[in-house]
Protein backbone atom coordinates (compact mmCIF):
# COMPACT_ATOMS: atom_id res chain seq x y z
CA MET A 1 23.84 -77.55 43.82
CA PRO A 2 22.74 -81.19 43.62
CA LEU A 3 21.32 -82.50 40.39
CA ILE A 4 18.35 -84.02 42.15
CA GLU A 5 16.70 -81.73 44.67
CA SER A 6 13.27 -82.08 46.24
CA LEU A 7 10.95 -79.22 45.49
CA PRO A 8 9.74 -77.22 48.52
CA ASP A 9 6.17 -77.66 49.65
CA PRO A 10 4.21 -74.54 48.58
CA ASP A 11 2.01 -74.83 51.67
CA LEU A 12 5.03 -74.66 54.01
CA VAL A 13 6.95 -71.93 52.22
CA PRO A 14 5.50 -68.46 52.95
CA GLU A 15 4.89 -65.98 50.24
CA PRO A 16 7.67 -63.45 49.63
CA ASP A 17 5.72 -60.56 51.09
CA GLU A 18 3.80 -62.43 53.81
CA GLU A 19 6.12 -61.36 56.63
CA HIS A 20 6.18 -57.81 55.35
CA ARG A 21 2.40 -57.79 55.08
CA ASP A 22 2.03 -59.04 58.69
CA ARG A 23 4.45 -56.41 59.93
CA ILE A 24 2.53 -53.67 58.19
CA GLY A 25 -0.73 -55.09 59.55
CA ALA A 26 0.62 -54.86 63.11
CA ARG A 27 1.60 -51.25 62.53
CA ARG A 28 -1.82 -50.44 61.17
CA LEU A 29 -3.50 -52.10 64.13
CA GLY A 30 -1.32 -50.10 66.47
CA LEU A 31 -2.32 -46.95 64.62
CA VAL A 32 -6.06 -47.60 64.99
CA VAL A 33 -5.65 -48.47 68.69
CA VAL A 34 -3.66 -45.32 69.42
CA THR A 35 -6.15 -43.20 67.47
CA THR A 36 -9.21 -44.50 69.30
CA THR A 37 -7.51 -44.14 72.69
CA LEU A 38 -6.28 -40.61 72.10
CA ILE A 39 -9.60 -39.43 70.72
CA GLY A 40 -11.42 -40.80 73.76
CA TYR A 41 -8.94 -39.13 76.07
CA LEU A 42 -9.23 -35.80 74.24
CA LEU A 43 -13.03 -36.06 74.41
CA ALA A 44 -12.91 -36.51 78.19
CA ALA A 45 -10.42 -33.66 78.57
CA THR A 46 -12.56 -31.35 76.44
CA LEU A 47 -15.73 -31.99 78.44
CA LEU A 48 -13.85 -31.53 81.70
CA ALA A 49 -12.35 -28.28 80.46
CA LEU A 50 -15.80 -26.98 79.49
CA ALA A 51 -17.23 -27.89 82.89
CA THR A 52 -14.41 -26.39 84.95
CA GLY A 53 -13.59 -23.47 82.71
CA THR A 54 -17.03 -21.91 83.01
CA ALA A 55 -17.42 -22.46 86.76
CA ARG A 56 -16.96 -19.49 89.05
CA GLY A 57 -13.63 -19.34 90.83
CA ALA A 58 -12.25 -22.40 89.04
CA ASP A 59 -8.58 -22.05 88.17
CA VAL A 60 -7.29 -25.39 86.94
CA ALA A 61 -3.82 -25.69 85.43
CA LEU A 62 -3.23 -27.69 82.28
CA PRO A 63 -1.28 -30.55 83.96
CA ALA A 64 -4.04 -30.94 86.54
CA LEU A 65 -6.65 -30.90 83.78
CA LEU A 66 -4.83 -33.62 81.81
CA ALA A 67 -4.49 -35.71 84.96
CA ALA A 68 -8.18 -35.27 85.77
CA ALA A 69 -9.06 -36.41 82.24
CA VAL A 70 -7.93 -39.95 83.13
CA PRO A 71 -10.91 -40.56 85.46
CA GLY A 72 -13.06 -38.87 82.83
CA TRP A 73 -11.87 -41.40 80.24
CA LEU A 74 -12.80 -44.22 82.61
CA ALA A 75 -16.18 -42.60 83.29
CA ALA A 76 -16.80 -42.48 79.54
CA HIS A 77 -16.42 -46.28 79.60
CA GLN A 78 -19.00 -46.49 82.44
CA VAL A 79 -16.40 -47.45 85.06
CA PRO A 80 -17.70 -46.64 88.58
CA LEU A 81 -15.52 -44.20 90.53
CA LEU A 82 -14.82 -43.45 94.17
CA ILE A 83 -14.44 -39.71 94.81
CA LEU A 84 -13.10 -39.06 98.31
CA GLY A 85 -14.54 -42.40 99.33
CA ALA A 86 -18.05 -41.63 98.00
CA PRO A 87 -19.20 -44.02 95.24
CA LEU A 88 -20.31 -42.53 91.93
CA SER A 89 -21.84 -45.12 89.59
CA VAL A 90 -24.59 -43.03 87.97
CA LEU A 91 -22.52 -41.86 85.01
CA PRO A 92 -23.72 -39.96 81.92
CA PHE A 93 -24.44 -41.95 78.77
CA LEU A 94 -23.82 -39.21 76.21
CA PRO A 95 -19.98 -39.35 76.47
CA THR A 96 -20.21 -43.14 76.17
CA ILE A 97 -22.34 -42.84 73.04
CA ALA A 98 -19.98 -40.25 71.54
CA LEU A 99 -16.96 -42.42 72.32
CA GLY A 100 -18.64 -45.46 70.78
CA LEU A 101 -19.50 -43.56 67.61
CA LEU A 102 -15.91 -42.36 67.29
CA ILE A 103 -14.51 -45.87 67.74
CA ALA A 104 -17.01 -47.24 65.22
CA ALA A 105 -16.17 -44.54 62.68
CA ILE A 106 -12.42 -45.07 63.09
CA THR A 107 -12.78 -48.84 62.71
CA ALA A 108 -14.91 -48.51 59.57
CA ALA A 109 -12.51 -45.96 58.08
CA PHE A 110 -9.54 -48.18 58.88
CA LEU A 111 -11.08 -51.22 57.20
CA ARG A 112 -12.16 -49.18 54.19
CA ARG A 113 -8.82 -47.40 53.85
CA TYR A 114 -6.78 -50.61 53.69
CA GLU A 115 -9.51 -52.65 51.92
CA LEU A 116 -9.80 -55.21 54.72
CA SER A 117 -13.18 -56.57 53.74
CA GLY A 118 -12.78 -60.08 55.11
CA ALA A 119 -14.61 -61.20 58.22
CA ARG A 120 -11.37 -62.46 59.78
CA ASP A 121 -9.74 -59.07 59.36
CA ALA A 122 -12.70 -57.40 61.03
CA VAL A 123 -12.65 -59.85 63.95
CA ARG A 124 -8.93 -59.27 64.34
CA VAL A 125 -9.39 -55.51 64.52
CA ILE A 126 -12.29 -55.84 66.97
CA GLY A 127 -10.29 -58.13 69.24
CA VAL A 128 -7.22 -55.90 69.24
CA VAL A 129 -9.22 -52.73 69.93
CA GLY A 130 -11.25 -54.32 72.73
CA PHE A 131 -8.30 -56.03 74.41
CA THR A 132 -6.11 -52.93 74.23
CA HIS A 133 -8.79 -50.73 75.80
CA ALA A 134 -9.35 -53.33 78.52
CA VAL A 135 -5.66 -53.50 79.40
CA LEU A 136 -5.30 -49.72 79.29
CA GLY A 137 -8.37 -49.22 81.49
CA ALA A 138 -7.08 -51.70 84.06
CA ALA A 139 -3.66 -50.02 84.07
CA LEU A 140 -5.14 -46.54 84.54
CA ALA A 141 -7.42 -47.79 87.32
CA ALA A 142 -4.41 -49.32 89.07
CA LEU A 143 -2.49 -46.03 88.81
CA LEU A 144 -5.31 -44.00 90.33
CA GLY A 145 -5.30 -43.28 94.03
CA GLY A 146 -5.99 -40.60 96.54
CA VAL A 147 -8.88 -38.38 95.50
CA VAL A 148 -10.28 -40.64 92.75
CA ASP A 149 -10.13 -44.41 92.70
CA ALA A 150 -11.60 -47.18 90.52
CA SER A 151 -11.86 -50.96 90.49
CA VAL A 152 -9.26 -52.67 88.31
CA PRO A 153 -11.42 -55.70 87.29
CA GLY A 154 -14.38 -53.43 86.61
CA ALA A 155 -12.23 -51.15 84.46
CA PHE A 156 -10.82 -54.10 82.50
CA LEU A 157 -14.27 -55.56 81.81
CA ARG A 158 -16.20 -52.38 81.01
CA CYS A 159 -13.51 -50.70 78.90
CA GLY A 160 -12.99 -53.87 76.87
CA LEU A 161 -16.68 -54.57 76.30
CA ILE A 162 -17.62 -51.03 75.29
CA ALA A 163 -14.64 -50.66 72.93
CA ALA A 164 -15.24 -54.09 71.35
CA ALA A 165 -18.96 -53.43 70.88
CA ALA A 166 -18.31 -50.05 69.27
CA SER A 167 -15.61 -51.50 67.01
CA ALA A 168 -17.95 -54.33 65.97
CA ALA A 169 -20.64 -51.81 65.08
CA GLY A 170 -18.15 -49.99 62.87
CA ALA A 171 -16.90 -53.22 61.27
CA CYS A 172 -20.45 -54.14 60.30
CA ARG A 173 -20.62 -51.00 58.16
CA TYR A 174 -17.90 -52.24 55.80
CA GLY A 175 -16.83 -55.65 54.62
CA GLU A 176 -18.25 -59.13 54.92
CA LEU A 177 -18.71 -59.34 58.69
CA LEU A 178 -22.40 -58.48 58.69
CA ALA A 179 -23.14 -60.87 55.81
CA ALA A 180 -21.20 -63.64 57.55
CA LEU A 181 -23.15 -63.09 60.76
CA ARG A 182 -26.43 -63.21 58.83
CA ARG A 183 -25.47 -66.48 57.15
CA LEU A 184 -24.41 -67.92 60.49
CA ALA A 185 -27.58 -66.81 62.30
CA GLY A 186 -30.10 -67.76 59.62
CA PRO A 187 -33.23 -65.90 58.53
CA THR A 188 -35.22 -66.43 61.74
CA ILE A 189 -32.55 -65.18 64.13
CA SER A 190 -31.62 -62.34 61.78
CA ALA A 191 -35.23 -61.17 61.65
CA GLY A 192 -35.45 -61.43 65.44
CA LEU A 193 -32.30 -59.37 65.93
CA ARG A 194 -33.54 -56.72 63.54
CA GLY A 195 -36.83 -56.69 65.42
CA GLY A 196 -34.94 -56.29 68.69
CA LEU A 197 -33.03 -53.30 67.36
CA LEU A 198 -36.29 -51.85 66.09
CA ALA A 199 -37.85 -52.42 69.51
CA TRP A 200 -34.93 -50.60 71.09
CA ALA A 201 -35.46 -47.65 68.79
CA CYS A 202 -39.14 -47.60 69.76
CA LEU A 203 -38.27 -47.77 73.46
CA LEU A 204 -35.85 -44.89 73.22
CA GLY A 205 -38.36 -42.88 71.22
CA ALA A 206 -41.06 -43.47 73.80
CA GLY A 207 -38.69 -42.59 76.64
CA ALA A 208 -37.57 -39.43 74.87
CA LEU A 209 -41.18 -38.38 74.35
CA VAL A 210 -41.95 -38.88 78.06
CA ALA A 211 -38.81 -36.94 79.08
CA VAL A 212 -39.61 -34.03 76.76
CA ILE A 213 -43.20 -33.84 78.01
CA ALA A 214 -41.99 -33.91 81.63
CA LEU A 215 -39.45 -31.14 81.00
CA PHE A 216 -42.05 -29.04 79.22
CA LEU A 217 -44.52 -29.41 82.09
CA SER A 218 -41.82 -28.64 84.65
CA ALA A 219 -40.42 -25.63 82.79
CA PRO A 220 -41.40 -23.16 85.56
CA ARG A 221 -39.54 -25.18 88.20
CA VAL A 222 -36.51 -25.56 85.92
CA GLY A 223 -36.46 -21.81 85.27
CA ASP A 224 -36.69 -21.08 88.99
CA LEU A 225 -33.76 -23.40 89.66
CA LEU A 226 -31.58 -21.77 87.01
CA SER A 227 -32.44 -18.29 88.24
CA ARG A 228 -31.06 -19.11 91.67
CA ALA A 229 -27.63 -19.89 90.23
CA ASP A 230 -24.77 -17.65 91.31
CA SER A 231 -23.33 -17.00 87.85
CA ALA A 232 -23.80 -17.68 84.19
CA GLY A 233 -20.98 -20.20 84.40
CA ASP A 234 -22.92 -22.22 86.93
CA VAL A 235 -25.97 -22.15 84.68
CA PHE A 236 -23.88 -23.33 81.75
CA GLY A 237 -22.38 -26.11 83.87
CA MET A 238 -25.80 -27.37 84.99
CA LEU A 239 -27.15 -27.27 81.44
CA LEU A 240 -24.06 -29.08 80.15
CA LEU A 241 -24.38 -31.74 82.82
CA SER A 242 -28.09 -32.15 82.04
CA LEU A 243 -27.24 -32.59 78.37
CA LEU A 244 -24.73 -35.32 79.21
CA TYR A 245 -27.38 -37.15 81.25
CA LEU A 246 -30.11 -36.76 78.62
CA PRO A 247 -29.85 -40.39 77.37
CA ASN A 248 -30.23 -41.50 80.99
CA ALA A 249 -33.44 -39.48 81.15
CA MET A 250 -34.71 -41.26 78.03
CA VAL A 251 -34.18 -44.66 79.67
CA ALA A 252 -35.91 -43.37 82.81
CA GLY A 253 -38.82 -42.20 80.67
CA TRP A 254 -39.27 -45.71 79.29
CA SER A 255 -39.18 -47.16 82.79
CA PHE A 256 -41.91 -44.71 83.77
CA ALA A 257 -44.06 -45.57 80.74
CA ALA A 258 -43.57 -49.33 81.15
CA GLY A 259 -44.65 -49.32 84.79
CA PRO A 260 -41.71 -49.95 87.16
CA GLY A 261 -41.09 -46.22 87.46
CA ILE A 262 -38.15 -44.21 88.82
CA GLY A 263 -36.76 -44.19 92.32
CA VAL A 264 -34.56 -41.36 93.66
CA GLY A 265 -33.94 -41.89 97.33
CA GLU A 266 -37.31 -41.86 99.05
CA LEU A 267 -39.04 -40.45 95.97
CA ALA A 268 -40.75 -42.99 93.68
CA VAL A 269 -42.62 -41.95 90.55
CA ARG A 270 -44.87 -44.27 88.52
CA PHE A 271 -47.66 -43.53 86.08
CA TYR A 272 -50.21 -45.04 88.47
CA GLY A 273 -48.92 -43.43 91.70
CA THR A 274 -46.06 -41.69 93.50
CA SER A 275 -44.28 -41.87 96.84
CA PRO A 276 -43.34 -38.44 98.26
CA GLY A 277 -39.74 -37.47 98.87
CA PRO A 278 -37.26 -34.63 98.35
CA VAL A 279 -36.39 -33.70 94.78
CA PRO A 280 -32.74 -32.92 93.92
CA GLU A 281 -32.01 -29.45 92.55
CA PHE A 282 -30.91 -30.64 89.13
CA PRO A 283 -32.68 -29.62 85.91
CA LEU A 284 -33.46 -33.16 84.77
CA LEU A 285 -34.55 -34.40 88.19
CA VAL A 286 -36.67 -31.32 88.83
CA ALA A 287 -38.94 -32.68 86.09
CA LEU A 288 -40.01 -35.42 88.50
CA PRO A 289 -43.42 -34.49 89.95
CA PRO A 290 -43.33 -33.99 93.72
CA GLY A 291 -47.07 -34.54 94.17
CA ASP A 292 -49.61 -37.21 93.39
CA ALA A 293 -50.03 -38.80 89.98
CA ALA A 294 -52.29 -37.04 87.48
CA TRP A 295 -55.22 -38.83 85.91
CA TRP A 296 -53.87 -38.58 82.38
CA TRP A 297 -50.54 -40.25 83.20
CA SER A 298 -52.05 -43.61 82.37
CA ALA A 299 -52.10 -42.59 78.71
CA VAL A 300 -48.38 -43.32 78.53
CA VAL A 301 -49.16 -47.05 78.41
CA LEU A 302 -50.13 -46.51 74.78
CA LEU A 303 -46.45 -45.98 73.96
CA PRO A 304 -45.32 -49.53 74.89
CA VAL A 305 -48.38 -50.96 73.11
CA ALA A 306 -47.55 -49.00 69.96
CA ALA A 307 -43.94 -50.17 70.14
CA GLY A 308 -45.01 -53.82 70.38
CA VAL A 309 -47.46 -53.49 67.48
CA PHE A 310 -44.82 -51.87 65.29
CA VAL A 311 -42.31 -54.63 66.07
CA GLY A 312 -44.91 -57.32 65.29
CA VAL A 313 -45.83 -55.79 61.94
CA ARG A 314 -42.19 -55.42 60.98
CA CYS A 315 -41.25 -58.98 61.94
CA GLY A 316 -44.31 -60.33 60.12
CA ARG A 317 -43.28 -58.56 56.92
CA ASP A 318 -39.62 -59.46 57.15
CA LEU A 319 -40.22 -63.18 57.60
CA GLY A 320 -42.97 -65.44 56.36
CA GLY A 321 -44.21 -68.81 57.54
CA ALA A 322 -44.27 -70.30 61.01
CA HIS A 323 -40.93 -68.72 61.98
CA ARG A 324 -42.53 -65.34 62.55
CA SER A 325 -43.54 -66.19 66.12
CA ALA A 326 -39.99 -67.21 66.95
CA SER A 327 -38.60 -64.00 65.46
CA VAL A 328 -41.07 -61.89 67.49
CA ALA A 329 -40.16 -63.73 70.70
CA LEU A 330 -36.48 -63.21 69.96
CA ALA A 331 -37.06 -59.51 69.31
CA ALA A 332 -38.81 -59.18 72.67
CA LEU A 333 -35.97 -61.04 74.37
CA VAL A 334 -33.35 -58.77 72.78
CA ALA A 335 -35.25 -55.67 73.86
CA ALA A 336 -35.66 -56.97 77.42
CA SER A 337 -31.97 -57.89 77.66
CA GLY A 338 -30.96 -54.42 76.53
CA VAL A 339 -33.28 -52.80 79.06
CA LEU A 340 -31.81 -54.98 81.81
CA VAL A 341 -28.24 -53.91 81.04
CA VAL A 342 -28.94 -50.23 80.44
CA ALA A 343 -31.28 -49.83 83.41
CA ALA A 344 -28.70 -51.44 85.68
CA ALA A 345 -26.02 -49.06 84.36
CA THR A 346 -28.29 -46.03 84.69
CA GLY A 347 -29.05 -46.65 88.33
CA GLY A 348 -26.68 -46.75 91.24
CA SER A 349 -25.11 -44.38 93.69
CA ALA A 350 -24.91 -40.64 93.07
CA GLY A 351 -22.22 -39.84 95.63
CA GLY A 352 -24.19 -40.53 98.79
CA GLY A 353 -26.60 -38.24 100.58
CA GLY A 354 -30.35 -38.23 100.78
CA PHE A 355 -30.83 -38.93 97.07
CA ASP A 356 -29.24 -42.39 97.04
CA PRO A 357 -29.85 -44.76 95.45
CA ILE A 358 -31.16 -43.93 91.99
CA SER A 359 -32.95 -46.99 90.65
CA LEU A 360 -34.88 -47.90 87.52
CA HIS A 361 -35.68 -51.41 88.82
CA PRO A 362 -33.73 -53.21 86.05
CA VAL A 363 -35.07 -56.75 86.58
CA LEU A 364 -38.69 -55.67 86.75
CA SER A 365 -38.19 -53.30 83.81
CA ALA A 366 -36.76 -56.14 81.70
CA LEU A 367 -39.66 -58.48 82.47
CA VAL A 368 -42.27 -55.81 81.80
CA THR A 369 -40.52 -54.82 78.56
CA PHE A 370 -40.60 -58.43 77.35
CA GLY A 371 -44.34 -58.54 77.93
CA TRP A 372 -45.05 -55.12 76.42
CA VAL A 373 -43.23 -56.09 73.22
CA LEU A 374 -44.37 -59.70 72.88
CA VAL A 375 -48.08 -59.46 73.74
CA PRO A 376 -49.04 -56.72 71.21
CA ALA A 377 -46.59 -58.01 68.60
CA LEU A 378 -48.09 -61.49 68.21
CA PRO A 379 -51.62 -60.41 67.17
CA ALA A 380 -50.19 -57.60 65.06
CA MET A 381 -48.02 -60.12 63.26
CA TRP A 382 -51.08 -62.21 62.29
CA LEU A 383 -53.38 -59.27 61.58
CA PHE A 384 -50.87 -57.56 59.27
CA PRO A 385 -49.06 -60.39 57.48
CA ALA A 386 -46.68 -59.95 54.62
CA ASP A 387 -47.79 -60.11 51.00
CA PRO A 388 -47.59 -63.76 49.86
CA ALA A 389 -46.09 -62.67 46.55
CA SER A 390 -43.33 -60.68 48.21
CA PRO A 391 -39.84 -62.21 48.46
CA ALA A 392 -39.84 -61.69 52.24
CA ALA A 393 -42.87 -63.92 52.74
CA GLU A 394 -41.45 -66.67 50.52
CA SER A 395 -37.91 -66.52 51.80
CA ASP A 396 -38.24 -69.63 53.96
CA ALA A 397 -40.15 -71.60 51.34
CA GLU A 398 -37.77 -70.79 48.51
CA ALA A 399 -34.57 -71.16 50.48
CA PRO A 400 -32.98 -74.51 49.57
CA PRO A 401 -31.84 -76.70 52.44
CA GLU A 402 -28.16 -76.64 53.19
CA PRO A 403 -26.47 -79.76 51.78
CA ASP A 404 -24.84 -82.18 54.14
CA VAL A 405 -21.10 -82.75 53.93
CA ALA A 406 -21.56 -86.48 53.40
CA ASP A 407 -24.04 -85.85 50.58
CA GLU A 408 -21.55 -83.52 48.92
CA VAL A 409 -18.84 -86.19 49.08
CA VAL A 410 -21.20 -88.82 47.64
CA ASP A 411 -22.22 -86.45 44.86
CA GLU A 412 -18.58 -85.75 44.00
CA VAL A 413 -17.78 -89.47 43.86
CA ALA A 414 -20.85 -90.08 41.69
CA ASP A 415 -19.82 -87.27 39.36
CA ASP A 416 -16.30 -88.69 39.05
CA ALA A 417 -17.71 -92.14 38.30
CA ALA A 418 -20.05 -90.65 35.71
CA ASP A 419 -17.12 -88.82 34.09
CA ASP A 420 -15.07 -92.03 33.98
CA SER A 421 -17.97 -93.95 32.46
CA GLU A 422 -18.49 -91.22 29.88
CA THR A 423 -14.77 -91.33 29.03
CA ALA A 424 -14.91 -95.10 28.68
CA ASP A 425 -18.01 -94.85 26.51
CA ASP A 426 -16.30 -92.27 24.33
CA SER A 427 -13.25 -94.51 23.91
CA ASP A 428 -15.50 -97.48 23.08
CA GLU A 429 -17.35 -95.37 20.55
CA ASP A 430 -14.03 -94.29 19.00
CA ASP A 431 -12.89 -97.93 18.76
CA ALA A 432 -16.20 -98.89 17.22
CA GLU A 433 -15.89 -96.10 14.68
CA ASN A 434 -12.33 -97.19 13.81
CA ASP A 435 -13.49 -100.78 13.39
CA ALA A 436 -16.33 -99.58 11.20
CA ASP A 437 -13.88 -97.59 9.08
CA GLU A 438 -11.67 -100.63 8.72
CA ASP A 439 -14.69 -102.71 7.76
CA GLN A 440 -15.60 -100.12 5.18
CA ASP A 441 -12.05 -100.17 3.81
CA ALA A 442 -12.03 -103.95 3.63
CA PRO A 443 -14.51 -104.22 0.74
CA GLU A 444 -12.37 -101.79 -1.23
CA LEU A 445 -9.41 -104.10 -0.87
CA GLU A 446 -11.56 -107.00 -1.93
CA GLU A 447 -12.71 -105.00 -4.91
CA VAL A 448 -9.08 -104.34 -5.82
CA ASP A 449 -8.38 -108.02 -5.49
CA LEU A 450 -11.39 -108.79 -7.60
CA GLU A 451 -10.01 -106.59 -10.32
CA ALA A 452 -7.27 -109.15 -10.78
CA ASP A 453 -9.78 -111.39 -12.56
CA GLU A 454 -9.11 -109.43 -15.70
CA PHE A 455 -5.72 -111.18 -15.89
CA ASP A 456 -5.98 -114.59 -17.54
CA VAL A 457 -4.04 -116.76 -15.08
CA ASP A 458 -4.76 -120.45 -14.64
CA GLU A 459 -4.30 -122.56 -11.52
CA ALA A 460 -0.95 -123.95 -12.61
CA GLU A 461 0.58 -120.54 -12.93
CA TRP A 462 -0.76 -119.57 -9.46
CA ALA A 463 0.76 -122.67 -7.93
CA ASP A 464 4.10 -121.93 -9.60
CA LEU A 465 4.06 -118.35 -8.29
CA VAL A 466 3.27 -119.48 -4.74
CA LEU A 467 6.10 -122.03 -4.85
CA ARG A 468 8.61 -119.46 -6.07
CA ALA A 469 7.53 -117.02 -3.34
CA GLN A 470 8.04 -119.66 -0.66
CA GLN A 471 11.52 -120.42 -2.01
CA ALA A 472 12.42 -116.73 -2.00
CA ASP A 473 11.33 -116.38 1.64
CA ALA A 474 13.24 -119.45 2.73
CA ALA A 475 16.57 -118.21 1.31
CA GLU A 476 18.93 -116.87 3.96
CA PRO A 477 21.05 -113.83 3.14
CA VAL A 478 24.83 -114.06 3.24
CA VAL A 479 26.99 -111.22 4.48
CA SER A 480 30.23 -110.64 2.59
CA TRP A 481 33.42 -109.02 3.87
CA SER A 482 32.41 -105.79 2.19
CA GLY A 483 29.15 -105.70 4.14
CA ASP A 484 26.91 -106.32 1.10
CA LEU A 485 23.98 -108.63 1.40
CA TYR A 486 23.64 -111.46 -1.05
CA ALA A 487 20.95 -113.98 -1.62
CA ASP A 488 21.44 -117.36 -3.23
CA GLU A 489 20.92 -116.05 -6.74
CA GLY A 490 23.07 -112.91 -6.44
CA PRO A 491 23.15 -109.44 -5.03
CA ALA A 492 20.02 -108.22 -3.39
CA VAL A 493 18.25 -105.23 -4.80
CA ASP A 494 18.21 -102.17 -2.54
CA GLU A 495 14.80 -101.66 -1.11
CA ARG A 496 13.35 -98.37 -0.08
CA PRO A 497 11.80 -97.92 3.35
CA GLY A 498 8.19 -98.69 3.40
CA ASP A 499 8.35 -101.35 0.60
CA ASP A 500 6.45 -104.47 1.44
CA HIS A 501 8.92 -107.36 1.44
CA ASP A 502 6.22 -109.96 1.66
CA ALA A 503 4.00 -108.47 -1.02
CA GLU A 504 2.94 -110.98 -3.62
CA PRO A 505 3.70 -110.16 -7.25
CA GLU A 506 0.90 -109.30 -9.49
CA PRO A 507 -0.71 -112.20 -11.26
CA GLY A 508 0.88 -112.85 -14.57
CA ALA A 509 4.04 -110.86 -13.88
CA PRO A 510 7.34 -112.80 -13.85
CA SER A 511 9.10 -113.16 -10.57
CA SER A 512 12.48 -111.44 -10.17
CA GLY A 513 15.40 -113.84 -10.23
CA ALA A 514 13.33 -116.63 -11.78
CA GLU A 515 14.03 -118.12 -15.19
CA PRO A 516 11.43 -117.50 -17.86
CA ARG A 517 9.29 -120.38 -18.78
CA ALA A 518 9.39 -122.10 -22.05
CA ASP A 519 6.17 -120.56 -23.17
CA ASP A 520 7.56 -117.07 -22.60
CA ARG A 521 10.67 -117.81 -24.53
């Protein structure tokens, strides 16, 4: 080993357990991906087994059931299918919601179990889960063929987006991801996003209320339809299928209350009028009225107005100042964007026939939703403002501006200069104190010197002493063979360390090595 060796850079040398930690992290990520995939597959297989097991004359073997669960897994990710060449894009939302909740719960449990609270860890998990589901969906869509088929790009996109969104929702329940997003967005955008989620809750509540009222009013027709079923298994299958499509009915209820209405083939139903057409024999669709619009249907417009007022009041209380209008507009935009996406996914083809297509008019529904939320929310925001003393109303006023990077650098340099000046001042003060101490000690020495006045020494004696001292200093020592030092008058006296060689003798005392004067003799 060389004596001089350069020390390794700590930034370039990994920690002892860094590689081991990364390897364990990859295994854990693989575990969460496999868990979410298997649970989604088992969910699709369970629903398919319930639907086929209760049907009359259905005898499906286990291998065929497991193979049929693959298209069910894709359908749970809202991937359109082709069944015997007939397109099926109107897929139930309830399996998608259940799958998303499972992925969110598994992601949150995974982060909590291994204490991965950092935002980077959460983003890593979200990316891995979303990308893995996208690749798996594309691979399964490519393997399909024959009876059921699916689009590979559509499977890649929809499986990845739904899995990533569900995983992000679960990651926001634990760790620093939600706080980091709030800091990144700022108070105005955060309030707008919360208002958008609140608007979505109001929209779904209004749609659910409309759907429940429609089912209650159409209960005789629903009962007549179920009574014509061949067996109890068929009744169970229709009820199970209606339950899976219940979230779709809630979205359709909002479209009816907002104004664009629902279109099923030639049938069009709006709160201000209907277009006649055949009604499918399905419990949820039987709730659609076959006749003209009733006079009291216009009362449903109160639901969008109430939703907008509630969003305006909430945004006004969450955020004070002039940013409230921006937050309300953002909330309306978020609600309209969600309606556009969900209404487009709800509509589509139902396998061909006389009931195609099913449409909720997504573009018109999004525009109307934006207006229904924004117009009532703005006056409600000003009529019901937040309490000025509340922290929510003063959040913008009290929030300090974010410092600039250049200002931080200037402040650091100024602080360093101030520290250096303080250090210099301290050193100057110490030197001044030392000089003051020396000045205080100087009078003491003078006092000691003044005490010599008590000796009676005349000027002649002082001159003689000074002359003798000069002669003693001028004498050069001589070194003998034995190593002893000698002066001119004889051997030198050993001196102890610390003795002052140049110290003057006391006044009146005889000098060493000098002959006594005649007066002393």
